[in-house]
């Protein structure tokens, strides 16, 4: 029987985008370490990173945890649906991440943005 395990695994992966804001008090090396930790968490739960954009330090429109600015990161990745809940929990418990939002991407959104 010719069962292709790779395509079965890939078919269970959905595409997501997470925007998270890292504390402004961290230096560039610590921000990179935080981003690397987030990417490794996704990989450890069966996902993989498509694209990671560090948008830089930006002013927030309102105060978040008594901070007026933060380092924005946009992360696109593929992951199984059951990995998203622990991923969101990890981001909310991280002391370095002050805010995050995760959305599932559909195919039309991906075609428009590329």
PDB file of N, CA and C in Angstrom:
ATOM      1  N   UNK A   1       0.840  -1.184   0.000  1.00  0.00           N
ATOM      2  CA  UNK A   1       0.000   0.000   0.000  1.00  0.00           C
ATOM      3  C   UNK A   1       0.876   1.234   0.000  1.00  0.00           C
ATOM      4  N   UNK A   2       0.550   2.182  -0.823  1.00  0.00           N
ATOM      5  CA  UNK A   2       1.355   3.386  -0.941  1.00  0.00           C
ATOM      6  C   UNK A   2       0.750   4.555  -0.192  1.00  0.00           C
ATOM      7  N   UNK A   3       0.945   4.590   1.091  1.00  0.00           N
ATOM      8  CA  UNK A   3       0.446   5.710   1.890  1.00  0.00           C
ATOM      9  C   UNK A   3       1.566   6.725   2.014  1.00  0.00           C
ATOM     10  N   UNK A   4       1.264   7.952   1.643  1.00  0.00           N
ATOM     11  CA  UNK A   4       2.257   9.018   1.700  1.00  0.00           C
ATOM     12  C   UNK A   4       2.076   9.771   3.015  1.00  0.00           C
ATOM     13  N   UNK A   5       2.938   9.495   3.987  1.00  0.00           N
ATOM     14  CA  UNK A   5       2.811  10.103   5.312  1.00  0.00           C
ATOM     15  C   UNK A   5       3.093  11.594   5.300  1.00  0.00           C
ATOM     16  N   UNK A   6       3.956  12.035   4.405  1.00  0.00           N
ATOM     17  CA  UNK A   6       4.301  13.451   4.360  1.00  0.00           C
ATOM     18  C   UNK A   6       3.087  14.295   3.982  1.00  0.00           C
ATOM     19  N   UNK A   7       2.357  13.874   2.941  1.00  0.00           N
ATOM     20  CA  UNK A   7       1.201  14.667   2.522  1.00  0.00           C
ATOM     21  C   UNK A   7       0.084  14.618   3.562  1.00  0.00           C
ATOM     22  N   UNK A   8      -0.064  13.474   4.264  1.00  0.00           N
ATOM     23  CA  UNK A   8      -1.063  13.411   5.326  1.00  0.00           C
ATOM     24  C   UNK A   8      -0.712  14.374   6.449  1.00  0.00           C
ATOM     25  N   UNK A   9       0.549  14.437   6.805  1.00  0.00           N
ATOM     26  CA  UNK A   9       0.988  15.344   7.867  1.00  0.00           C
ATOM     27  C   UNK A   9       0.792  16.796   7.428  1.00  0.00           C
ATOM     28  N   UNK A  10       1.207  17.115   6.199  1.00  0.00           N
ATOM     29  CA  UNK A  10       1.095  18.483   5.710  1.00  0.00           C
ATOM     30  C   UNK A  10      -0.356  18.921   5.558  1.00  0.00           C
ATOM     31  N   UNK A  11      -1.245  17.984   5.232  1.00  0.00           N
ATOM     32  CA  UNK A  11      -2.638  18.356   5.058  1.00  0.00           C
ATOM     33  C   UNK A  11      -3.281  18.756   6.391  1.00  0.00           C
ATOM     34  N   UNK A  12      -2.732  18.306   7.498  1.00  0.00           N
ATOM     35  CA  UNK A  12      -3.268  18.653   8.814  1.00  0.00           C
ATOM     36  C   UNK A  12      -2.748  20.004   9.305  1.00  0.00           C
ATOM     37  N   UNK A  13      -1.749  20.553   8.635  1.00  0.00           N
ATOM     38  CA  UNK A  13      -1.199  21.843   9.042  1.00  0.00           C
ATOM     39  C   UNK A  13      -2.034  22.968   8.453  1.00  0.00           C
ATOM     40  N   UNK A  14      -2.347  23.940   9.283  1.00  0.00           N
ATOM     41  CA  UNK A  14      -3.042  25.142   8.829  1.00  0.00           C
ATOM     42  C   UNK A  14      -2.081  26.306   8.904  1.00  0.00           C
ATOM     43  N   UNK A  15      -2.341  27.322   8.131  1.00  0.00           N
ATOM     44  CA  UNK A  15      -1.481  28.501   8.109  1.00  0.00           C
ATOM     45  C   UNK A  15      -2.032  29.547   9.086  1.00  0.00           C
ATOM     46  N   UNK A  16      -1.118  30.135   9.839  1.00  0.00           N
ATOM     47  CA  UNK A  16      -1.479  31.138  10.846  1.00  0.00           C
ATOM     48  C   UNK A  16      -0.536  32.335  10.742  1.00  0.00           C
ATOM     49  N   UNK A  17      -1.011  33.443  11.286  1.00  0.00           N
ATOM     50  CA  UNK A  17      -0.166  34.625  11.429  1.00  0.00           C
ATOM     51  C   UNK A  17      -0.336  35.139  12.851  1.00  0.00           C
ATOM     52  N   UNK A  18       0.780  35.383  13.511  1.00  0.00           N
ATOM     53  CA  UNK A  18       0.762  35.931  14.859  1.00  0.00           C
ATOM     54  C   UNK A  18       1.570  37.219  14.867  1.00  0.00           C
ATOM     55  N   UNK A  19       0.986  38.251  15.400  1.00  0.00           N
ATOM     56  CA  UNK A  19       1.695  39.513  15.628  1.00  0.00           C
ATOM     57  C   UNK A  19       1.864  39.621  17.136  1.00  0.00           C
ATOM     58  N   UNK A  20       3.107  39.787  17.560  1.00  0.00           N
ATOM     59  CA  UNK A  20       3.323  39.961  18.992  1.00  0.00           C
ATOM     60  C   UNK A  20       4.260  41.135  19.236  1.00  0.00           C
ATOM     61  N   UNK A  21       4.097  41.726  20.407  1.00  0.00           N
ATOM     62  CA  UNK A  21       4.870  42.906  20.787  1.00  0.00           C
ATOM     63  C   UNK A  21       5.777  42.525  21.948  1.00  0.00           C
ATOM     64  N   UNK A  22       7.065  42.764  21.751  1.00  0.00           N
ATOM     65  CA  UNK A  22       8.074  42.440  22.757  1.00  0.00           C
ATOM     66  C   UNK A  22       8.364  43.704  23.566  1.00  0.00           C
ATOM     67  N   UNK A  23       8.646  43.517  24.848  1.00  0.00           N
ATOM     68  CA  UNK A  23       8.939  44.645  25.744  1.00  0.00           C
ATOM     69  C   UNK A  23       9.997  45.570  25.157  1.00  0.00           C
ATOM     70  N   UNK A  24       9.815  46.874  25.265  1.00  0.00           N
ATOM     71  CA  UNK A  24      10.780  47.820  24.700  1.00  0.00           C
ATOM     72  C   UNK A  24      12.078  47.921  25.505  1.00  0.00           C
ATOM     73  N   UNK A  25      12.098  47.383  26.704  1.00  0.00           N
ATOM     74  CA  UNK A  25      13.287  47.483  27.544  1.00  0.00           C
ATOM     75  C   UNK A  25      14.366  46.471  27.154  1.00  0.00           C
ATOM     76  N   UNK A  26      14.034  45.525  26.262  1.00  0.00           N
ATOM     77  CA  UNK A  26      15.005  44.511  25.843  1.00  0.00           C
ATOM     78  C   UNK A  26      15.928  45.052  24.763  1.00  0.00           C
ATOM     79  N   UNK A  27      17.179  44.589  24.769  1.00  0.00           N
ATOM     80  CA  UNK A  27      18.096  44.954  23.694  1.00  0.00           C
ATOM     81  C   UNK A  27      17.847  44.037  22.491  1.00  0.00           C
ATOM     82  N   UNK A  28      18.513  44.327  21.366  1.00  0.00           N
ATOM     83  CA  UNK A  28      18.292  43.573  20.121  1.00  0.00           C
ATOM     84  C   UNK A  28      18.582  42.084  20.285  1.00  0.00           C
ATOM     85  N   UNK A  29      19.618  41.751  21.042  1.00  0.00           N
ATOM     86  CA  UNK A  29      19.969  40.347  21.253  1.00  0.00           C
ATOM     87  C   UNK A  29      18.863  39.608  22.024  1.00  0.00           C
ATOM     88  N   UNK A  30      18.286  40.258  23.013  1.00  0.00           N
ATOM     89  CA  UNK A  30      17.205  39.643  23.793  1.00  0.00           C
ATOM     90  C   UNK A  30      15.932  39.505  22.964  1.00  0.00           C
ATOM     91  N   UNK A  31      15.668  40.473  22.088  1.00  0.00           N
ATOM     92  CA  UNK A  31      14.513  40.378  21.191  1.00  0.00           C
ATOM     93  C   UNK A  31      14.690  39.189  20.255  1.00  0.00           C
ATOM     94  N   UNK A  32      15.895  39.027  19.690  1.00  0.00           N
ATOM     95  CA  UNK A  32      16.181  37.888  18.814  1.00  0.00           C
ATOM     96  C   UNK A  32      16.013  36.569  19.553  1.00  0.00           C
ATOM     97  N   UNK A  33      16.435  36.539  20.812  1.00  0.00           N
ATOM     98  CA  UNK A  33      16.301  35.329  21.627  1.00  0.00           C
ATOM     99  C   UNK A  33      14.822  35.001  21.861  1.00  0.00           C
ATOM    100  N   UNK A  34      14.009  36.019  22.120  1.00  0.00           N
ATOM    101  CA  UNK A  34      12.577  35.822  22.320  1.00  0.00           C
ATOM    102  C   UNK A  34      11.914  35.299  21.053  1.00  0.00           C
ATOM    103  N   UNK A  35      12.266  35.879  19.901  1.00  0.00           N
ATOM    104  CA  UNK A  35      11.713  35.433  18.615  1.00  0.00           C
ATOM    105  C   UNK A  35      12.129  33.984  18.352  1.00  0.00           C
ATOM    106  N   UNK A  36      13.385  33.664  18.629  1.00  0.00           N
ATOM    107  CA  UNK A  36      13.879  32.297  18.432  1.00  0.00           C
ATOM    108  C   UNK A  36      13.125  31.314  19.336  1.00  0.00           C
ATOM    109  N   UNK A  37      12.851  31.703  20.565  1.00  0.00           N
ATOM    110  CA  UNK A  37      12.098  30.859  21.498  1.00  0.00           C
ATOM    111  C   UNK A  37      10.694  30.589  20.965  1.00  0.00           C
ATOM    112  N   UNK A  38      10.049  31.608  20.413  1.00  0.00           N
ATOM    113  CA  UNK A  38       8.704  31.449  19.850  1.00  0.00           C
ATOM    114  C   UNK A  38       8.744  30.499  18.651  1.00  0.00           C
ATOM    115  N   UNK A  39       9.722  30.674  17.772  1.00  0.00           N
ATOM    116  CA  UNK A  39       9.839  29.799  16.598  1.00  0.00           C
ATOM    117  C   UNK A  39      10.122  28.354  17.006  1.00  0.00           C
ATOM    118  N   UNK A  40      10.959  28.167  18.011  1.00  0.00           N
ATOM    119  CA  UNK A  40      11.265  26.807  18.481  1.00  0.00           C
ATOM    120  C   UNK A  40      10.040  26.143  19.108  1.00  0.00           C
ATOM    121  N   UNK A  41       9.202  26.933  19.768  1.00  0.00           N
ATOM    122  CA  UNK A  41       7.972  26.386  20.351  1.00  0.00           C
ATOM    123  C   UNK A  41       7.072  25.849  19.244  1.00  0.00           C
ATOM    124  N   UNK A  42       6.955  26.596  18.151  1.00  0.00           N
ATOM    125  CA  UNK A  42       6.133  26.151  17.017  1.00  0.00           C
ATOM    126  C   UNK A  42       6.696  24.860  16.429  1.00  0.00           C
ATOM    127  N   UNK A  43       8.014  24.811  16.243  1.00  0.00           N
ATOM    128  CA  UNK A  43       8.649  23.612  15.683  1.00  0.00           C
ATOM    129  C   UNK A  43       8.468  22.406  16.602  1.00  0.00           C
ATOM    130  N   UNK A  44       8.547  22.625  17.903  1.00  0.00           N
ATOM    131  CA  UNK A  44       8.421  21.513  18.848  1.00  0.00           C
ATOM    132  C   UNK A  44       6.998  20.942  18.888  1.00  0.00           C
ATOM    133  N   UNK A  45       6.032  21.708  18.384  1.00  0.00           N
ATOM    134  CA  UNK A  45       4.649  21.237  18.342  1.00  0.00           C
ATOM    135  C   UNK A  45       4.230  20.824  16.934  1.00  0.00           C
ATOM    136  N   UNK A  46       5.192  20.534  16.070  1.00  0.00           N
ATOM    137  CA  UNK A  46       4.895  19.995  14.745  1.00  0.00           C
ATOM    138  C   UNK A  46       4.663  21.017  13.660  1.00  0.00           C
ATOM    139  N   UNK A  47       4.987  22.267  13.910  1.00  0.00           N
ATOM    140  CA  UNK A  47       4.797  23.308  12.902  1.00  0.00           C
ATOM    141  C   UNK A  47       6.110  23.737  12.289  1.00  0.00           C
ATOM    142  N   UNK A  48       6.034  24.680  11.359  1.00  0.00           N
ATOM    143  CA  UNK A  48       7.249  25.261  10.789  1.00  0.00           C
ATOM    144  C   UNK A  48       6.994  26.714  10.398  1.00  0.00           C
ATOM    145  N   UNK A  49       8.033  27.501  10.470  1.00  0.00           N
ATOM    146  CA  UNK A  49       7.951  28.926  10.192  1.00  0.00           C
ATOM    147  C   UNK A  49       7.988  29.174   8.693  1.00  0.00           C
ATOM    148  N   UNK A  50       7.082  30.003   8.199  1.00  0.00           N
ATOM    149  CA  UNK A  50       7.078  30.406   6.796  1.00  0.00           C
ATOM    150  C   UNK A  50       7.867  31.698   6.639  1.00  0.00           C
ATOM    151  N   UNK A  51       7.557  32.672   7.493  1.00  0.00           N
ATOM    152  CA  UNK A  51       8.189  33.980   7.379  1.00  0.00           C
ATOM    153  C   UNK A  51       8.155  34.674   8.739  1.00  0.00           C
ATOM    154  N   UNK A  52       9.237  35.353   9.068  1.00  0.00           N
ATOM    155  CA  UNK A  52       9.300  36.128  10.308  1.00  0.00           C
ATOM    156  C   UNK A  52       9.823  37.518   9.972  1.00  0.00           C
ATOM    157  N   UNK A  53       9.009  38.525  10.230  1.00  0.00           N
ATOM    158  CA  UNK A  53       9.396  39.911   9.964  1.00  0.00           C
ATOM    159  C   UNK A  53       9.485  40.670  11.279  1.00  0.00           C
ATOM    160  N   UNK A  54      10.644  41.228  11.533  1.00  0.00           N
ATOM    161  CA  UNK A  54      10.817  42.089  12.700  1.00  0.00           C
ATOM    162  C   UNK A  54      10.576  43.517  12.226  1.00  0.00           C
ATOM    163  N   UNK A  55       9.469  44.085  12.663  1.00  0.00           N
ATOM    164  CA  UNK A  55       9.059  45.409  12.190  1.00  0.00           C
ATOM    165  C   UNK A  55       9.753  46.548  12.929  1.00  0.00           C
ATOM    166  N   UNK A  56      10.388  46.235  14.039  1.00  0.00           N
ATOM    167  CA  UNK A  56      11.116  47.263  14.769  1.00  0.00           C
ATOM    168  C   UNK A  56      10.301  47.872  15.897  1.00  0.00           C
ATOM    169  N   UNK A  57      10.918  48.829  16.556  1.00  0.00           N
ATOM    170  CA  UNK A  57      10.290  49.487  17.698  1.00  0.00           C
ATOM    171  C   UNK A  57       9.289  50.514  17.179  1.00  0.00           C
ATOM    172  N   UNK A  58       8.069  50.430  17.715  1.00  0.00           N
ATOM    173  CA  UNK A  58       6.996  51.333  17.299  1.00  0.00           C
ATOM    174  C   UNK A  58       6.274  51.873  18.526  1.00  0.00           C
ATOM    175  N   UNK A  59       5.687  53.019  18.345  1.00  0.00           N
ATOM    176  CA  UNK A  59       4.874  53.638  19.390  1.00  0.00           C
ATOM    177  C   UNK A  59       3.515  52.954  19.421  1.00  0.00           C
ATOM    178  N   UNK A  60       3.024  52.622  20.611  1.00  0.00           N
ATOM    179  CA  UNK A  60       1.712  52.014  20.763  1.00  0.00           C
ATOM    180  C   UNK A  60       0.642  53.102  20.794  1.00  0.00           C
ATOM    181  N   UNK A  61      -0.540  52.786  20.321  1.00  0.00           N
ATOM    182  CA  UNK A  61      -1.607  53.780  20.318  1.00  0.00           C
ATOM    183  C   UNK A  61      -2.185  54.001  21.711  1.00  0.00           C
ATOM    184  N   UNK A  62      -1.968  53.033  22.594  1.00  0.00           N
ATOM    185  CA  UNK A  62      -2.367  53.193  23.997  1.00  0.00           C
ATOM    186  C   UNK A  62      -1.410  52.387  24.863  1.00  0.00           C
ATOM    187  N   UNK A  63      -1.388  52.707  26.122  1.00  0.00           N
ATOM    188  CA  UNK A  63      -0.461  52.079  27.054  1.00  0.00           C
ATOM    189  C   UNK A  63      -0.829  50.614  27.302  1.00  0.00           C
ATOM    190  N   UNK A  64       0.171  49.722  27.218  1.00  0.00           N
ATOM    191  CA  UNK A  64      -0.021  48.304  27.485  1.00  0.00           C
ATOM    192  C   UNK A  64       0.969  47.925  28.584  1.00  0.00           C
ATOM    193  N   UNK A  65       0.443  47.485  29.719  1.00  0.00           N
ATOM    194  CA  UNK A  65       1.279  47.113  30.866  1.00  0.00           C
ATOM    195  C   UNK A  65       2.265  48.230  31.218  1.00  0.00           C
ATOM    196  N   UNK A  66       1.759  49.458  31.206  1.00  0.00           N
ATOM    197  CA  UNK A  66       2.514  50.670  31.544  1.00  0.00           C
ATOM    198  C   UNK A  66       3.664  50.946  30.581  1.00  0.00           C
ATOM    199  N   UNK A  67       3.554  50.466  29.344  1.00  0.00           N
ATOM    200  CA  UNK A  67       4.582  50.717  28.331  1.00  0.00           C
ATOM    201  C   UNK A  67       3.946  51.450  27.154  1.00  0.00           C
ATOM    202  N   UNK A  68       4.673  52.425  26.622  1.00  0.00           N
ATOM    203  CA  UNK A  68       4.160  53.253  25.532  1.00  0.00           C
ATOM    204  C   UNK A  68       4.666  52.822  24.157  1.00  0.00           C
ATOM    205  N   UNK A  69       5.688  51.966  24.099  1.00  0.00           N
ATOM    206  CA  UNK A  69       6.166  51.469  22.815  1.00  0.00           C
ATOM    207  C   UNK A  69       6.596  50.015  22.963  1.00  0.00           C
ATOM    208  N   UNK A  70       6.885  49.373  21.839  1.00  0.00           N
ATOM    209  CA  UNK A  70       7.271  47.971  21.867  1.00  0.00           C
ATOM    210  C   UNK A  70       7.898  47.558  20.553  1.00  0.00           C
ATOM    211  N   UNK A  71       8.480  46.399  20.527  1.00  0.00           N
ATOM    212  CA  UNK A  71       9.134  45.849  19.350  1.00  0.00           C
ATOM    213  C   UNK A  71       8.163  44.872  18.681  1.00  0.00           C
ATOM    214  N   UNK A  72       7.711  45.218  17.470  1.00  0.00           N
ATOM    215  CA  UNK A  72       6.699  44.425  16.778  1.00  0.00           C
ATOM    216  C   UNK A  72       7.337  43.314  15.945  1.00  0.00           C
ATOM    217  N   UNK A  73       6.724  42.114  16.002  1.00  0.00           N
ATOM    218  CA  UNK A  73       7.177  40.968  15.210  1.00  0.00           C
ATOM    219  C   UNK A  73       5.946  40.333  14.561  1.00  0.00           C
ATOM    220  N   UNK A  74       6.042  40.081  13.242  1.00  0.00           N
ATOM    221  CA  UNK A  74       4.975  39.403  12.503  1.00  0.00           C
ATOM    222  C   UNK A  74       5.515  38.036  12.103  1.00  0.00           C
ATOM    223  N   UNK A  75       4.826  36.983  12.521  1.00  0.00           N
ATOM    224  CA  UNK A  75       5.281  35.615  12.285  1.00  0.00           C
ATOM    225  C   UNK A  75       4.200  34.845  11.535  1.00  0.00           C
ATOM    226  N   UNK A  76       4.562  34.314  10.362  1.00  0.00           N
ATOM    227  CA  UNK A  76       3.670  33.420   9.612  1.00  0.00           C
ATOM    228  C   UNK A  76       4.225  32.017   9.714  1.00  0.00           C
ATOM    229  N   UNK A  77       3.318  31.061   9.940  1.00  0.00           N
ATOM    230  CA  UNK A  77       3.769  29.689  10.156  1.00  0.00           C
ATOM    231  C   UNK A  77       2.656  28.710   9.839  1.00  0.00           C
ATOM    232  N   UNK A  78       3.036  27.444   9.735  1.00  0.00           N
ATOM    233  CA  UNK A  78       2.096  26.345   9.596  1.00  0.00           C
ATOM    234  C   UNK A  78       2.175  25.531  10.874  1.00  0.00           C
ATOM    235  N   UNK A  79       1.022  25.110  11.365  1.00  0.00           N
ATOM    236  CA  UNK A  79       0.996  24.322  12.596  1.00  0.00           C
ATOM    237  C   UNK A  79      -0.309  23.542  12.670  1.00  0.00           C
ATOM    238  N   UNK A  80      -0.294  22.437  13.407  1.00  0.00           N
ATOM    239  CA  UNK A  80      -1.549  21.724  13.641  1.00  0.00           C
ATOM    240  C   UNK A  80      -2.470  22.577  14.513  1.00  0.00           C
ATOM    241  N   UNK A  81      -3.763  22.442  14.315  1.00  0.00           N
ATOM    242  CA  UNK A  81      -4.734  23.255  15.057  1.00  0.00           C
ATOM    243  C   UNK A  81      -4.617  23.060  16.562  1.00  0.00           C
ATOM    244  N   UNK A  82      -4.264  21.843  16.987  1.00  0.00           N
ATOM    245  CA  UNK A  82      -4.180  21.586  18.436  1.00  0.00           C
ATOM    246  C   UNK A  82      -2.961  22.244  19.081  1.00  0.00           C
ATOM    247  N   UNK A  83      -2.050  22.801  18.296  1.00  0.00           N
ATOM    248  CA  UNK A  83      -0.872  23.469  18.850  1.00  0.00           C
ATOM    249  C   UNK A  83      -1.126  24.940  19.156  1.00  0.00           C
ATOM    250  N   UNK A  84      -2.216  25.495  18.663  1.00  0.00           N
ATOM    251  CA  UNK A  84      -2.442  26.936  18.789  1.00  0.00           C
ATOM    252  C   UNK A  84      -2.795  27.339  20.225  1.00  0.00           C
ATOM    253  N   UNK A  85      -3.602  26.552  20.902  1.00  0.00           N
ATOM    254  CA  UNK A  85      -3.973  26.893  22.283  1.00  0.00           C
ATOM    255  C   UNK A  85      -2.755  26.934  23.203  1.00  0.00           C
ATOM    256  N   UNK A  86      -1.869  25.905  23.193  1.00  0.00           N
ATOM    257  CA  UNK A  86      -0.676  26.024  24.044  1.00  0.00           C
ATOM    258  C   UNK A  86       0.258  27.153  23.590  1.00  0.00           C
ATOM    259  N   UNK A  87       0.270  27.445  22.277  1.00  0.00           N
ATOM    260  CA  UNK A  87       1.100  28.530  21.767  1.00  0.00           C
ATOM    261  C   UNK A  87       0.614  29.875  22.304  1.00  0.00           C
ATOM    262  N   UNK A  88      -0.693  30.113  22.254  1.00  0.00           N
ATOM    263  CA  UNK A  88      -1.245  31.357  22.795  1.00  0.00           C
ATOM    264  C   UNK A  88      -0.980  31.476  24.295  1.00  0.00           C
ATOM    265  N   UNK A  89      -1.085  30.356  24.992  1.00  0.00           N
ATOM    266  CA  UNK A  89      -0.821  30.354  26.437  1.00  0.00           C
ATOM    267  C   UNK A  89       0.636  30.702  26.717  1.00  0.00           C
ATOM    268  N   UNK A  90       1.549  30.126  25.927  1.00  0.00           N
ATOM    269  CA  UNK A  90       2.971  30.414  26.115  1.00  0.00           C
ATOM    270  C   UNK A  90       3.241  31.907  25.907  1.00  0.00           C
ATOM    271  N   UNK A  91       2.632  32.501  24.877  1.00  0.00           N
ATOM    272  CA  UNK A  91       2.828  33.925  24.630  1.00  0.00           C
ATOM    273  C   UNK A  91       2.251  34.769  25.765  1.00  0.00           C
ATOM    274  N   UNK A  92       1.105  34.389  26.280  1.00  0.00           N
ATOM    275  CA  UNK A  92       0.489  35.187  27.348  1.00  0.00           C
ATOM    276  C   UNK A  92       1.262  35.082  28.656  1.00  0.00           C
ATOM    277  N   UNK A  93       1.943  33.962  28.887  1.00  0.00           N
ATOM    278  CA  UNK A  93       2.720  33.784  30.117  1.00  0.00           C
ATOM    279  C   UNK A  93       4.138  34.348  30.020  1.00  0.00           C
ATOM    280  N   UNK A  94       4.597  34.606  28.808  1.00  0.00           N
ATOM    281  CA  UNK A  94       5.950  35.130  28.624  1.00  0.00           C
ATOM    282  C   UNK A  94       6.048  36.545  29.177  1.00  0.00           C
ATOM    283  N   UNK A  95       7.071  36.801  29.958  1.00  0.00           N
ATOM    284  CA  UNK A  95       7.266  38.142  30.510  1.00  0.00           C
ATOM    285  C   UNK A  95       7.780  39.125  29.461  1.00  0.00           C
ATOM    286  N   UNK A  96       8.383  38.597  28.381  1.00  0.00           N
ATOM    287  CA  UNK A  96       8.944  39.459  27.344  1.00  0.00           C
ATOM    288  C   UNK A  96       7.915  39.897  26.314  1.00  0.00           C
ATOM    289  N   UNK A  97       6.807  39.177  26.188  1.00  0.00           N
ATOM    290  CA  UNK A  97       5.754  39.507  25.220  1.00  0.00           C
ATOM    291  C   UNK A  97       4.641  40.232  25.957  1.00  0.00           C
ATOM    292  N   UNK A  98       4.357  41.477  25.527  1.00  0.00           N
ATOM    293  CA  UNK A  98       3.353  42.257  26.239  1.00  0.00           C
ATOM    294  C   UNK A  98       1.971  42.161  25.595  1.00  0.00           C
ATOM    295  N   UNK A  99       1.901  41.766  24.326  1.00  0.00           N
ATOM    296  CA  UNK A  99       0.601  41.613  23.663  1.00  0.00           C
ATOM    297  C   UNK A  99       0.791  40.751  22.429  1.00  0.00           C
ATOM    298  N   UNK A 100      -0.238  39.966  22.083  1.00  0.00           N
ATOM    299  CA  UNK A 100      -0.155  39.151  20.869  1.00  0.00           C
ATOM    300  C   UNK A 100      -1.547  38.882  20.331  1.00  0.00           C
ATOM    301  N   UNK A 101      -1.606  38.603  19.039  1.00  0.00           N
ATOM    302  CA  UNK A 101      -2.853  38.195  18.397  1.00  0.00           C
ATOM    303  C   UNK A 101      -2.502  37.171  17.330  1.00  0.00           C
ATOM    304  N   UNK A 102      -3.308  36.116  17.261  1.00  0.00           N
ATOM    305  CA  UNK A 102      -3.102  35.046  16.293  1.00  0.00           C
ATOM    306  C   UNK A 102      -4.359  34.893  15.460  1.00  0.00           C
ATOM    307  N   UNK A 103      -4.178  34.819  14.128  1.00  0.00           N
ATOM    308  CA  UNK A 103      -5.297  34.602  13.220  1.00  0.00           C
ATOM    309  C   UNK A 103      -4.965  33.454  12.278  1.00  0.00           C
ATOM    310  N   UNK A 104      -5.991  32.704  11.894  1.00  0.00           N
ATOM    311  CA  UNK A 104      -5.827  31.654  10.891  1.00  0.00           C
ATOM    312  C   UNK A 104      -5.968  32.308   9.520  1.00  0.00           C
ATOM    313  N   UNK A 105      -5.084  31.943   8.609  1.00  0.00           N
ATOM    314  CA  UNK A 105      -5.107  32.510   7.263  1.00  0.00           C
ATOM    315  C   UNK A 105      -5.791  31.555   6.306  1.00  0.00           C
ATOM    316  N   UNK A 106      -6.620  32.096   5.419  1.00  0.00           N
ATOM    317  CA  UNK A 106      -7.192  31.254   4.381  1.00  0.00           C
ATOM    318  C   UNK A 106      -6.392  31.449   3.087  1.00  0.00           C
ATOM    319  N   UNK A 107      -6.624  30.615   2.110  1.00  0.00           N
ATOM    320  CA  UNK A 107      -5.817  30.616   0.890  1.00  0.00           C
ATOM    321  C   UNK A 107      -5.934  31.922   0.112  1.00  0.00           C
ATOM    322  N   UNK A 108      -7.112  32.558   0.087  1.00  0.00           N
ATOM    323  CA  UNK A 108      -7.261  33.807  -0.667  1.00  0.00           C
ATOM    324  C   UNK A 108      -6.440  34.922  -0.032  1.00  0.00           C
ATOM    325  N   UNK A 109      -6.360  34.954   1.281  1.00  0.00           N
ATOM    326  CA  UNK A 109      -5.542  35.966   1.954  1.00  0.00           C
ATOM    327  C   UNK A 109      -4.074  35.771   1.635  1.00  0.00           C
ATOM    328  N   UNK A 110      -3.645  34.523   1.541  1.00  0.00           N
ATOM    329  CA  UNK A 110      -2.253  34.241   1.232  1.00  0.00           C
ATOM    330  C   UNK A 110      -1.906  34.660  -0.188  1.00  0.00           C
ATOM    331  N   UNK A 111      -2.813  34.455  -1.132  1.00  0.00           N
ATOM    332  CA  UNK A 111      -2.553  34.817  -2.529  1.00  0.00           C
ATOM    333  C   UNK A 111      -2.492  36.316  -2.700  1.00  0.00           C
ATOM    334  N   UNK A 112      -3.333  37.057  -1.999  1.00  0.00           N
ATOM    335  CA  UNK A 112      -3.357  38.517  -2.097  1.00  0.00           C
ATOM    336  C   UNK A 112      -2.077  39.112  -1.511  1.00  0.00           C
ATOM    337  N   UNK A 113      -1.608  38.580  -0.410  1.00  0.00           N
ATOM    338  CA  UNK A 113      -0.452  39.159   0.279  1.00  0.00           C
ATOM    339  C   UNK A 113       0.868  38.806  -0.390  1.00  0.00           C
ATOM    340  N   UNK A 114       0.907  37.757  -1.191  1.00  0.00           N
ATOM    341  CA  UNK A 114       2.158  37.375  -1.846  1.00  0.00           C
ATOM    342  C   UNK A 114       2.270  38.056  -3.131  1.00  0.00           C
TER     343      UNK A 114
END
